[in-house]
Amino acid sequence: MTDNGSAYQSKAFAAACRRLGVRHLRTRPYTPQTNGKAERFIQTCLREWAYATSYATSQQRREALQDWLHHYNCHRPHSALGGQPPITRLALRRNNLLKLHS
């Protein structure tokens, strides 16, 4: 999710999203609460993943991202969700693999 900045409207960004299989969502104009959520995630990501550990290489940092995103979405308590992780907001059945491995 991004704002409507020119960098996110470029053909290069759209091509990168397609190549990675990422669905690009844009915030609605003049909705600071949505933009605030995206900004908050970026700050948390920088603080808890990107700069929380000294990585010898950028490759090591990239490899750590997947585990950190799993922790963020499946285990890390979020105050806006009453201390629950975001995964609890999905209506998952008990036999769902995400639930079994969280």
PDB file of N, CA and C in Angstrom:
ATOM      1  N   MET A   1       0.849  -1.164   0.000  1.00  0.00           N
ATOM      2  CA  MET A   1       0.000   0.000   0.000  1.00  0.00           C
ATOM      3  C   MET A   1       0.898   1.230   0.000  1.00  0.00           C
ATOM      4  N   THR A   2       0.631   2.111  -0.924  1.00  0.00           N
ATOM      5  CA  THR A   2       1.403   3.342  -1.031  1.00  0.00           C
ATOM      6  C   THR A   2       0.458   4.520  -1.196  1.00  0.00           C
ATOM      7  N   ASP A   3       1.035   5.699  -1.069  1.00  0.00           N
ATOM      8  CA  ASP A   3       0.264   6.883  -1.411  1.00  0.00           C
ATOM      9  C   ASP A   3       0.289   7.035  -2.930  1.00  0.00           C
ATOM     10  N   ASN A   4      -0.139   8.158  -3.429  1.00  0.00           N
ATOM     11  CA  ASN A   4      -0.223   8.358  -4.869  1.00  0.00           C
ATOM     12  C   ASN A   4       0.951   9.166  -5.409  1.00  0.00           C
ATOM     13  N   GLY A   5       2.098   9.069  -4.750  1.00  0.00           N
ATOM     14  CA  GLY A   5       3.291   9.768  -5.202  1.00  0.00           C
ATOM     15  C   GLY A   5       3.699   9.329  -6.597  1.00  0.00           C
ATOM     16  N   SER A   6       4.388  10.206  -7.283  1.00  0.00           N
ATOM     17  CA  SER A   6       4.754   9.931  -8.678  1.00  0.00           C
ATOM     18  C   SER A   6       5.608   8.665  -8.813  1.00  0.00           C
ATOM     19  N   ALA A   7       6.428   8.375  -7.828  1.00  0.00           N
ATOM     20  CA  ALA A   7       7.262   7.168  -7.906  1.00  0.00           C
ATOM     21  C   ALA A   7       6.407   5.902  -7.953  1.00  0.00           C
ATOM     22  N   TYR A   8       5.255   5.941  -7.304  1.00  0.00           N
ATOM     23  CA  TYR A   8       4.385   4.770  -7.249  1.00  0.00           C
ATOM     24  C   TYR A   8       3.399   4.714  -8.408  1.00  0.00           C
ATOM     25  N   GLN A   9       3.408   5.726  -9.247  1.00  0.00           N
ATOM     26  CA  GLN A   9       2.560   5.741 -10.437  1.00  0.00           C
ATOM     27  C   GLN A   9       3.370   5.444 -11.693  1.00  0.00           C
ATOM     28  N   SER A  10       4.657   5.223 -11.532  1.00  0.00           N
ATOM     29  CA  SER A  10       5.535   5.011 -12.682  1.00  0.00           C
ATOM     30  C   SER A  10       5.338   3.629 -13.298  1.00  0.00           C
ATOM     31  N   LYS A  11       5.692   3.527 -14.559  1.00  0.00           N
ATOM     32  CA  LYS A  11       5.627   2.242 -15.264  1.00  0.00           C
ATOM     33  C   LYS A  11       6.627   1.253 -14.669  1.00  0.00           C
ATOM     34  N   ALA A  12       7.783   1.765 -14.230  1.00  0.00           N
ATOM     35  CA  ALA A  12       8.804   0.892 -13.642  1.00  0.00           C
ATOM     36  C   ALA A  12       8.290   0.249 -12.356  1.00  0.00           C
ATOM     37  N   PHE A  13       7.588   1.021 -11.518  1.00  0.00           N
ATOM     38  CA  PHE A  13       7.043   0.473 -10.275  1.00  0.00           C
ATOM     39  C   PHE A  13       5.961  -0.560 -10.586  1.00  0.00           C
ATOM     40  N   ALA A  14       5.092  -0.251 -11.547  1.00  0.00           N
ATOM     41  CA  ALA A  14       4.032  -1.194 -11.934  1.00  0.00           C
ATOM     42  C   ALA A  14       4.644  -2.493 -12.462  1.00  0.00           C
ATOM     43  N   ALA A  15       5.707  -2.367 -13.258  1.00  0.00           N
ATOM     44  CA  ALA A  15       6.369  -3.563 -13.791  1.00  0.00           C
ATOM     45  C   ALA A  15       6.999  -4.384 -12.670  1.00  0.00           C
ATOM     46  N   ALA A  16       7.599  -3.711 -11.692  1.00  0.00           N
ATOM     47  CA  ALA A  16       8.200  -4.423 -10.560  1.00  0.00           C
ATOM     48  C   ALA A  16       7.127  -5.172  -9.770  1.00  0.00           C
ATOM     49  N   CYS A  17       5.992  -4.545  -9.556  1.00  0.00           N
ATOM     50  CA  CYS A  17       4.897  -5.216  -8.843  1.00  0.00           C
ATOM     51  C   CYS A  17       4.433  -6.449  -9.608  1.00  0.00           C
ATOM     52  N   ARG A  18       4.260  -6.305 -10.908  1.00  0.00           N
ATOM     53  CA  ARG A  18       3.839  -7.459 -11.721  1.00  0.00           C
ATOM     54  C   ARG A  18       4.864  -8.578 -11.649  1.00  0.00           C
ATOM     55  N   ARG A  19       6.138  -8.228 -11.774  1.00  0.00           N
ATOM     56  CA  ARG A  19       7.215  -9.226 -11.745  1.00  0.00           C
ATOM     57  C   ARG A  19       7.239  -9.984 -10.421  1.00  0.00           C
ATOM     58  N   LEU A  20       6.949  -9.276  -9.332  1.00  0.00           N
ATOM     59  CA  LEU A  20       6.973  -9.898  -8.008  1.00  0.00           C
ATOM     60  C   LEU A  20       5.640 -10.523  -7.614  1.00  0.00           C
ATOM     61  N   GLY A  21       4.624 -10.336  -8.446  1.00  0.00           N
ATOM     62  CA  GLY A  21       3.304 -10.868  -8.142  1.00  0.00           C
ATOM     63  C   GLY A  21       2.637 -10.137  -6.993  1.00  0.00           C
ATOM     64  N   VAL A  22       2.936  -8.831  -6.875  1.00  0.00           N
ATOM     65  CA  VAL A  22       2.416  -8.015  -5.787  1.00  0.00           C
ATOM     66  C   VAL A  22       1.243  -7.187  -6.284  1.00  0.00           C
ATOM     67  N   ARG A  23       0.184  -7.169  -5.531  1.00  0.00           N
ATOM     68  CA  ARG A  23      -0.959  -6.321  -5.854  1.00  0.00           C
ATOM     69  C   ARG A  23      -0.739  -4.960  -5.220  1.00  0.00           C
ATOM     70  N   HIS A  24      -0.707  -3.934  -6.036  1.00  0.00           N
ATOM     71  CA  HIS A  24      -0.449  -2.582  -5.548  1.00  0.00           C
ATOM     72  C   HIS A  24      -1.757  -1.917  -5.128  1.00  0.00           C
ATOM     73  N   LEU A  25      -1.821  -1.537  -3.880  1.00  0.00           N
ATOM     74  CA  LEU A  25      -2.970  -0.785  -3.367  1.00  0.00           C
ATOM     75  C   LEU A  25      -2.527   0.637  -3.099  1.00  0.00           C
ATOM     76  N   ARG A  26      -3.393   1.576  -3.414  1.00  0.00           N
ATOM     77  CA  ARG A  26      -3.105   2.987  -3.145  1.00  0.00           C
ATOM     78  C   ARG A  26      -4.046   3.500  -2.069  1.00  0.00           C
ATOM     79  N   THR A  27      -3.511   4.395  -1.251  1.00  0.00           N
ATOM     80  CA  THR A  27      -4.371   5.038  -0.261  1.00  0.00           C
ATOM     81  C   THR A  27      -5.273   6.036  -0.975  1.00  0.00           C
ATOM     82  N   ARG A  28      -6.440   6.255  -0.427  1.00  0.00           N
ATOM     83  CA  ARG A  28      -7.327   7.274  -0.994  1.00  0.00           C
ATOM     84  C   ARG A  28      -6.752   8.643  -0.675  1.00  0.00           C
ATOM     85  N   PRO A  29      -6.872   9.568  -1.597  1.00  0.00           N
ATOM     86  CA  PRO A  29      -6.381  10.923  -1.320  1.00  0.00           C
ATOM     87  C   PRO A  29      -7.083  11.526  -0.103  1.00  0.00           C
ATOM     88  N   TYR A  30      -6.336  12.285   0.647  1.00  0.00           N
ATOM     89  CA  TYR A  30      -6.847  13.019   1.810  1.00  0.00           C
ATOM     90  C   TYR A  30      -7.382  12.100   2.903  1.00  0.00           C
ATOM     91  N   THR A  31      -6.757  10.954   3.068  1.00  0.00           N
ATOM     92  CA  THR A  31      -7.107  10.050   4.171  1.00  0.00           C
ATOM     93  C   THR A  31      -5.855   9.806   5.001  1.00  0.00           C
ATOM     94  N   PRO A  32      -5.505  10.753   5.868  1.00  0.00           N
ATOM     95  CA  PRO A  32      -4.254  10.632   6.626  1.00  0.00           C
ATOM     96  C   PRO A  32      -4.200   9.412   7.531  1.00  0.00           C
ATOM     97  N   GLN A  33      -5.351   8.912   7.993  1.00  0.00           N
ATOM     98  CA  GLN A  33      -5.305   7.740   8.864  1.00  0.00           C
ATOM     99  C   GLN A  33      -4.766   6.525   8.119  1.00  0.00           C
ATOM    100  N   THR A  34      -5.097   6.372   6.846  1.00  0.00           N
ATOM    101  CA  THR A  34      -4.576   5.254   6.063  1.00  0.00           C
ATOM    102  C   THR A  34      -3.095   5.456   5.787  1.00  0.00           C
ATOM    103  N   ASN A  35      -2.726   6.659   5.403  1.00  0.00           N
ATOM    104  CA  ASN A  35      -1.321   6.955   5.169  1.00  0.00           C
ATOM    105  C   ASN A  35      -0.522   6.734   6.453  1.00  0.00           C
ATOM    106  N   GLY A  36      -1.097   7.082   7.582  1.00  0.00           N
ATOM    107  CA  GLY A  36      -0.430   6.886   8.865  1.00  0.00           C
ATOM    108  C   GLY A  36      -0.152   5.421   9.141  1.00  0.00           C
ATOM    109  N   LYS A  37      -1.075   4.547   8.759  1.00  0.00           N
ATOM    110  CA  LYS A  37      -0.872   3.108   8.957  1.00  0.00           C
ATOM    111  C   LYS A  37       0.315   2.616   8.139  1.00  0.00           C
ATOM    112  N   ALA A  38       0.394   3.060   6.894  1.00  0.00           N
ATOM    113  CA  ALA A  38       1.513   2.656   6.040  1.00  0.00           C
ATOM    114  C   ALA A  38       2.824   3.196   6.595  1.00  0.00           C
ATOM    115  N   GLU A  39       2.823   4.452   7.027  1.00  0.00           N
ATOM    116  CA  GLU A  39       4.034   5.058   7.592  1.00  0.00           C
ATOM    117  C   GLU A  39       4.456   4.349   8.868  1.00  0.00           C
ATOM    118  N   ARG A  40       3.493   3.988   9.694  1.00  0.00           N
ATOM    119  CA  ARG A  40       3.789   3.290  10.943  1.00  0.00           C
ATOM    120  C   ARG A  40       4.427   1.928  10.656  1.00  0.00           C
ATOM    121  N   PHE A  41       3.893   1.217   9.665  1.00  0.00           N
ATOM    122  CA  PHE A  41       4.469  -0.079   9.299  1.00  0.00           C
ATOM    123  C   PHE A  41       5.916   0.101   8.845  1.00  0.00           C
ATOM    124  N   ILE A  42       6.164   1.103   8.024  1.00  0.00           N
ATOM    125  CA  ILE A  42       7.525   1.339   7.531  1.00  0.00           C
ATOM    126  C   ILE A  42       8.467   1.614   8.693  1.00  0.00           C
ATOM    127  N   GLN A  43       8.053   2.448   9.637  1.00  0.00           N
ATOM    128  CA  GLN A  43       8.905   2.756  10.790  1.00  0.00           C
ATOM    129  C   GLN A  43       9.179   1.507  11.629  1.00  0.00           C
ATOM    130  N   THR A  44       8.144   0.692  11.845  1.00  0.00           N
ATOM    131  CA  THR A  44       8.313  -0.553  12.603  1.00  0.00           C
ATOM    132  C   THR A  44       9.255  -1.496  11.861  1.00  0.00           C
ATOM    133  N   CYS A  45       9.086  -1.593  10.571  1.00  0.00           N
ATOM    134  CA  CYS A  45       9.928  -2.456   9.750  1.00  0.00           C
ATOM    135  C   CYS A  45      11.396  -2.024   9.844  1.00  0.00           C
ATOM    136  N   LEU A  46      11.638  -0.748   9.738  1.00  0.00           N
ATOM    137  CA  LEU A  46      13.010  -0.251   9.836  1.00  0.00           C
ATOM    138  C   LEU A  46      13.604  -0.529  11.216  1.00  0.00           C
ATOM    139  N   ARG A  47      12.822  -0.257  12.257  1.00  0.00           N
ATOM    140  CA  ARG A  47      13.312  -0.392  13.625  1.00  0.00           C
ATOM    141  C   ARG A  47      13.491  -1.856  14.040  1.00  0.00           C
ATOM    142  N   GLU A  48      12.546  -2.717  13.692  1.00  0.00           N
ATOM    143  CA  GLU A  48      12.557  -4.091  14.191  1.00  0.00           C
ATOM    144  C   GLU A  48      13.206  -5.104  13.251  1.00  0.00           C
ATOM    145  N   TRP A  49      13.373  -4.746  11.985  1.00  0.00           N
ATOM    146  CA  TRP A  49      13.989  -5.679  11.045  1.00  0.00           C
ATOM    147  C   TRP A  49      15.248  -5.092  10.398  1.00  0.00           C
ATOM    148  N   ALA A  50      15.101  -4.040   9.638  1.00  0.00           N
ATOM    149  CA  ALA A  50      16.199  -3.554   8.806  1.00  0.00           C
ATOM    150  C   ALA A  50      17.420  -3.120   9.614  1.00  0.00           C
ATOM    151  N   TYR A  51      17.185  -2.418  10.732  1.00  0.00           N
ATOM    152  CA  TYR A  51      18.309  -1.901  11.508  1.00  0.00           C
ATOM    153  C   TYR A  51      18.402  -2.483  12.918  1.00  0.00           C
ATOM    154  N   ALA A  52      17.622  -3.503  13.197  1.00  0.00           N
ATOM    155  CA  ALA A  52      17.647  -4.112  14.525  1.00  0.00           C
ATOM    156  C   ALA A  52      18.882  -4.983  14.730  1.00  0.00           C
ATOM    157  N   THR A  53      19.433  -5.469  13.659  1.00  0.00           N
ATOM    158  CA  THR A  53      20.581  -6.369  13.688  1.00  0.00           C
ATOM    159  C   THR A  53      21.625  -5.867  12.699  1.00  0.00           C
ATOM    160  N   SER A  54      22.872  -6.125  12.995  1.00  0.00           N
ATOM    161  CA  SER A  54      23.924  -5.820  12.028  1.00  0.00           C
ATOM    162  C   SER A  54      24.010  -6.976  11.048  1.00  0.00           C
ATOM    163  N   TYR A  55      23.785  -6.681   9.799  1.00  0.00           N
ATOM    164  CA  TYR A  55      23.885  -7.692   8.751  1.00  0.00           C
ATOM    165  C   TYR A  55      25.188  -7.471   8.004  1.00  0.00           C
ATOM    166  N   ALA A  56      25.852  -8.556   7.663  1.00  0.00           N
ATOM    167  CA  ALA A  56      27.119  -8.451   6.930  1.00  0.00           C
ATOM    168  C   ALA A  56      26.889  -8.028   5.486  1.00  0.00           C
ATOM    169  N   THR A  57      25.737  -8.439   4.934  1.00  0.00           N
ATOM    170  CA  THR A  57      25.438  -8.119   3.535  1.00  0.00           C
ATOM    171  C   THR A  57      23.958  -7.772   3.385  1.00  0.00           C
ATOM    172  N   SER A  58      23.652  -7.132   2.284  1.00  0.00           N
ATOM    173  CA  SER A  58      22.253  -6.841   1.965  1.00  0.00           C
ATOM    174  C   SER A  58      21.481  -8.134   1.741  1.00  0.00           C
ATOM    175  N   GLN A  59      22.135  -9.145   1.209  1.00  0.00           N
ATOM    176  CA  GLN A  59      21.497 -10.441   1.000  1.00  0.00           C
ATOM    177  C   GLN A  59      21.037 -11.037   2.333  1.00  0.00           C
ATOM    178  N   GLN A  60      21.852 -10.945   3.359  1.00  0.00           N
ATOM    179  CA  GLN A  60      21.455 -11.447   4.679  1.00  0.00           C
ATOM    180  C   GLN A  60      20.228 -10.689   5.186  1.00  0.00           C
ATOM    181  N   ARG A  61      20.200  -9.391   4.982  1.00  0.00           N
ATOM    182  CA  ARG A  61      19.045  -8.587   5.398  1.00  0.00           C
ATOM    183  C   ARG A  61      17.795  -9.033   4.649  1.00  0.00           C
ATOM    184  N   ARG A  62      17.913  -9.235   3.338  1.00  0.00           N
ATOM    185  CA  ARG A  62      16.755  -9.692   2.544  1.00  0.00           C
ATOM    186  C   ARG A  62      16.266 -11.050   3.026  1.00  0.00           C
ATOM    187  N   GLU A  63      17.213 -11.945   3.332  1.00  0.00           N
ATOM    188  CA  GLU A  63      16.827 -13.284   3.794  1.00  0.00           C
ATOM    189  C   GLU A  63      16.114 -13.243   5.136  1.00  0.00           C
ATOM    190  N   ALA A  64      16.404 -12.267   5.964  1.00  0.00           N
ATOM    191  CA  ALA A  64      15.759 -12.141   7.273  1.00  0.00           C
ATOM    192  C   ALA A  64      14.351 -11.567   7.180  1.00  0.00           C
ATOM    193  N   LEU A  65      14.033 -10.931   6.067  1.00  0.00           N
ATOM    194  CA  LEU A  65      12.736 -10.262   5.941  1.00  0.00           C
ATOM    195  C   LEU A  65      11.564 -11.221   6.051  1.00  0.00           C
ATOM    196  N   GLN A  66      11.615 -12.351   5.381  1.00  0.00           N
ATOM    197  CA  GLN A  66      10.487 -13.279   5.398  1.00  0.00           C
ATOM    198  C   GLN A  66      10.159 -13.744   6.821  1.00  0.00           C
ATOM    199  N   ASP A  67      11.171 -14.089   7.593  1.00  0.00           N
ATOM    200  CA  ASP A  67      10.934 -14.511   8.978  1.00  0.00           C
ATOM    201  C   ASP A  67      10.364 -13.367   9.807  1.00  0.00           C
ATOM    202  N   TRP A  68      10.893 -12.152   9.584  1.00  0.00           N
ATOM    203  CA  TRP A  68      10.389 -11.010  10.344  1.00  0.00           C
ATOM    204  C   TRP A  68       8.933 -10.723   9.988  1.00  0.00           C
ATOM    205  N   LEU A  69       8.568 -10.792   8.709  1.00  0.00           N
ATOM    206  CA  LEU A  69       7.171 -10.557   8.307  1.00  0.00           C
ATOM    207  C   LEU A  69       6.244 -11.607   8.920  1.00  0.00           C
ATOM    208  N   HIS A  70       6.703 -12.845   8.987  1.00  0.00           N
ATOM    209  CA  HIS A  70       5.893 -13.886   9.633  1.00  0.00           C
ATOM    210  C   HIS A  70       5.689 -13.542  11.113  1.00  0.00           C
ATOM    211  N   HIS A  71       6.760 -13.157  11.778  1.00  0.00           N
ATOM    212  CA  HIS A  71       6.643 -12.765  13.188  1.00  0.00           C
ATOM    213  C   HIS A  71       5.686 -11.585  13.337  1.00  0.00           C
ATOM    214  N   TYR A  72       5.838 -10.569  12.501  1.00  0.00           N
ATOM    215  CA  TYR A  72       5.009  -9.363  12.566  1.00  0.00           C
ATOM    216  C   TYR A  72       3.528  -9.699  12.389  1.00  0.00           C
ATOM    217  N   ASN A  73       3.216 -10.552  11.418  1.00  0.00           N
ATOM    218  CA  ASN A  73       1.824 -10.848  11.099  1.00  0.00           C
ATOM    219  C   ASN A  73       1.200 -11.950  11.948  1.00  0.00           C
ATOM    220  N   CYS A  74       2.013 -12.848  12.465  1.00  0.00           N
ATOM    221  CA  CYS A  74       1.456 -14.022  13.148  1.00  0.00           C
ATOM    222  C   CYS A  74       1.730 -14.093  14.645  1.00  0.00           C
ATOM    223  N   HIS A  75       2.706 -13.352  15.150  1.00  0.00           N
ATOM    224  CA  HIS A  75       3.063 -13.481  16.564  1.00  0.00           C
ATOM    225  C   HIS A  75       3.147 -12.157  17.313  1.00  0.00           C
ATOM    226  N   ARG A  76       3.526 -11.094  16.653  1.00  0.00           N
ATOM    227  CA  ARG A  76       3.764  -9.812  17.319  1.00  0.00           C
ATOM    228  C   ARG A  76       2.439  -9.179  17.733  1.00  0.00           C
ATOM    229  N   PRO A  77       2.278  -8.848  19.025  1.00  0.00           N
ATOM    230  CA  PRO A  77       1.041  -8.194  19.446  1.00  0.00           C
ATOM    231  C   PRO A  77       0.959  -6.767  18.893  1.00  0.00           C
ATOM    232  N   HIS A  78      -0.236  -6.378  18.478  1.00  0.00           N
ATOM    233  CA  HIS A  78      -0.482  -5.038  17.955  1.00  0.00           C
ATOM    234  C   HIS A  78      -1.489  -4.341  18.863  1.00  0.00           C
ATOM    235  N   SER A  79      -1.123  -3.183  19.348  1.00  0.00           N
ATOM    236  CA  SER A  79      -1.997  -2.480  20.293  1.00  0.00           C
ATOM    237  C   SER A  79      -3.341  -2.132  19.667  1.00  0.00           C
ATOM    238  N   ALA A  80      -3.366  -1.809  18.378  1.00  0.00           N
ATOM    239  CA  ALA A  80      -4.627  -1.462  17.717  1.00  0.00           C
ATOM    240  C   ALA A  80      -5.559  -2.665  17.599  1.00  0.00           C
ATOM    241  N   LEU A  81      -5.028  -3.862  17.796  1.00  0.00           N
ATOM    242  CA  LEU A  81      -5.833  -5.081  17.717  1.00  0.00           C
ATOM    243  C   LEU A  81      -6.012  -5.729  19.083  1.00  0.00           C
ATOM    244  N   GLY A  82      -5.897  -4.935  20.117  1.00  0.00           N
ATOM    245  CA  GLY A  82      -6.083  -5.459  21.466  1.00  0.00           C
ATOM    246  C   GLY A  82      -5.000  -6.437  21.869  1.00  0.00           C
ATOM    247  N   GLY A  83      -3.785  -6.234  21.383  1.00  0.00           N
ATOM    248  CA  GLY A  83      -2.685  -7.112  21.735  1.00  0.00           C
ATOM    249  C   GLY A  83      -2.602  -8.377  20.905  1.00  0.00           C
ATOM    250  N   GLN A  84      -3.440  -8.496  19.891  1.00  0.00           N
ATOM    251  CA  GLN A  84      -3.439  -9.675  19.028  1.00  0.00           C
ATOM    252  C   GLN A  84      -2.638  -9.393  17.756  1.00  0.00           C
ATOM    253  N   PRO A  85      -2.072 -10.427  17.134  1.00  0.00           N
ATOM    254  CA  PRO A  85      -1.388 -10.228  15.856  1.00  0.00           C
ATOM    255  C   PRO A  85      -2.401 -10.096  14.716  1.00  0.00           C
ATOM    256  N   PRO A  86      -2.014  -9.506  13.582  1.00  0.00           N
ATOM    257  CA  PRO A  86      -2.936  -9.305  12.464  1.00  0.00           C
ATOM    258  C   PRO A  86      -3.589 -10.580  11.942  1.00  0.00           C
ATOM    259  N   ILE A  87      -2.915 -11.707  12.028  1.00  0.00           N
ATOM    260  CA  ILE A  87      -3.468 -12.960  11.513  1.00  0.00           C
ATOM    261  C   ILE A  87      -4.808 -13.292  12.175  1.00  0.00           C
ATOM    262  N   THR A  88      -5.020 -12.823  13.395  1.00  0.00           N
ATOM    263  CA  THR A  88      -6.267 -13.117  14.093  1.00  0.00           C
ATOM    264  C   THR A  88      -7.451 -12.395  13.467  1.00  0.00           C
ATOM    265  N   ARG A  89      -7.209 -11.406  12.627  1.00  0.00           N
ATOM    266  CA  ARG A  89      -8.289 -10.673  11.963  1.00  0.00           C
ATOM    267  C   ARG A  89      -8.884 -11.450  10.802  1.00  0.00           C
ATOM    268  N   LEU A  90      -8.194 -12.509  10.366  1.00  0.00           N
ATOM    269  CA  LEU A  90      -8.691 -13.329   9.267  1.00  0.00           C
ATOM    270  C   LEU A  90      -9.566 -14.438   9.820  1.00  0.00           C
ATOM    271  N   ALA A  91     -10.596 -14.752   9.103  1.00  0.00           N
ATOM    272  CA  ALA A  91     -11.496 -15.826   9.534  1.00  0.00           C
ATOM    273  C   ALA A  91     -10.925 -17.158   9.053  1.00  0.00           C
ATOM    274  N   LEU A  92      -9.985 -17.699   9.803  1.00  0.00           N
ATOM    275  CA  LEU A  92      -9.350 -18.960   9.424  1.00  0.00           C
ATOM    276  C   LEU A  92      -9.957 -20.108  10.208  1.00  0.00           C
ATOM    277  N   ARG A  93     -10.092 -21.232   9.538  1.00  0.00           N
ATOM    278  CA  ARG A  93     -10.576 -22.430  10.212  1.00  0.00           C
ATOM    279  C   ARG A  93      -9.457 -23.031  11.046  1.00  0.00           C
ATOM    280  N   ARG A  94      -9.805 -23.862  11.984  1.00  0.00           N
ATOM    281  CA  ARG A  94      -8.831 -24.475  12.889  1.00  0.00           C
ATOM    282  C   ARG A  94      -7.783 -25.298  12.150  1.00  0.00           C
ATOM    283  N   ASN A  95      -8.153 -25.911  11.035  1.00  0.00           N
ATOM    284  CA  ASN A  95      -7.212 -26.780  10.341  1.00  0.00           C
ATOM    285  C   ASN A  95      -6.364 -26.014   9.312  1.00  0.00           C
ATOM    286  N   ASN A  96      -6.398 -24.699   9.339  1.00  0.00           N
ATOM    287  CA  ASN A  96      -5.618 -23.913   8.406  1.00  0.00           C
ATOM    288  C   ASN A  96      -4.144 -23.995   8.786  1.00  0.00           C
ATOM    289  N   LEU A  97      -3.267 -24.184   7.802  1.00  0.00           N
ATOM    290  CA  LEU A  97      -1.838 -24.307   8.085  1.00  0.00           C
ATOM    291  C   LEU A  97      -1.280 -23.077   8.773  1.00  0.00           C
ATOM    292  N   LEU A  98      -1.787 -21.900   8.431  1.00  0.00           N
ATOM    293  CA  LEU A  98      -1.288 -20.699   9.084  1.00  0.00           C
ATOM    294  C   LEU A  98      -1.547 -20.754  10.582  1.00  0.00           C
ATOM    295  N   LYS A  99      -2.684 -21.255  10.970  1.00  0.00           N
ATOM    296  CA  LYS A  99      -3.001 -21.367  12.393  1.00  0.00           C
ATOM    297  C   LYS A  99      -2.144 -22.434  13.069  1.00  0.00           C
ATOM    298  N   LEU A 100      -1.931 -23.557  12.397  1.00  0.00           N
ATOM    299  CA  LEU A 100      -1.158 -24.636  12.992  1.00  0.00           C
ATOM    300  C   LEU A 100       0.286 -24.249  13.212  1.00  0.00           C
ATOM    301  N   HIS A 101       0.817 -23.380  12.361  1.00  0.00           N
ATOM    302  CA  HIS A 101       2.232 -23.055  12.441  1.00  0.00           C
ATOM    303  C   HIS A 101       2.494 -21.677  13.016  1.00  0.00           C
ATOM    304  N   SER A 102       1.501 -21.072  13.608  1.00  0.00           N
ATOM    305  CA  SER A 102       1.717 -19.737  14.169  1.00  0.00           C
ATOM    306  C   SER A 102       2.150 -19.826  15.619  1.00  0.00           C
TER     307      SER A 102
END
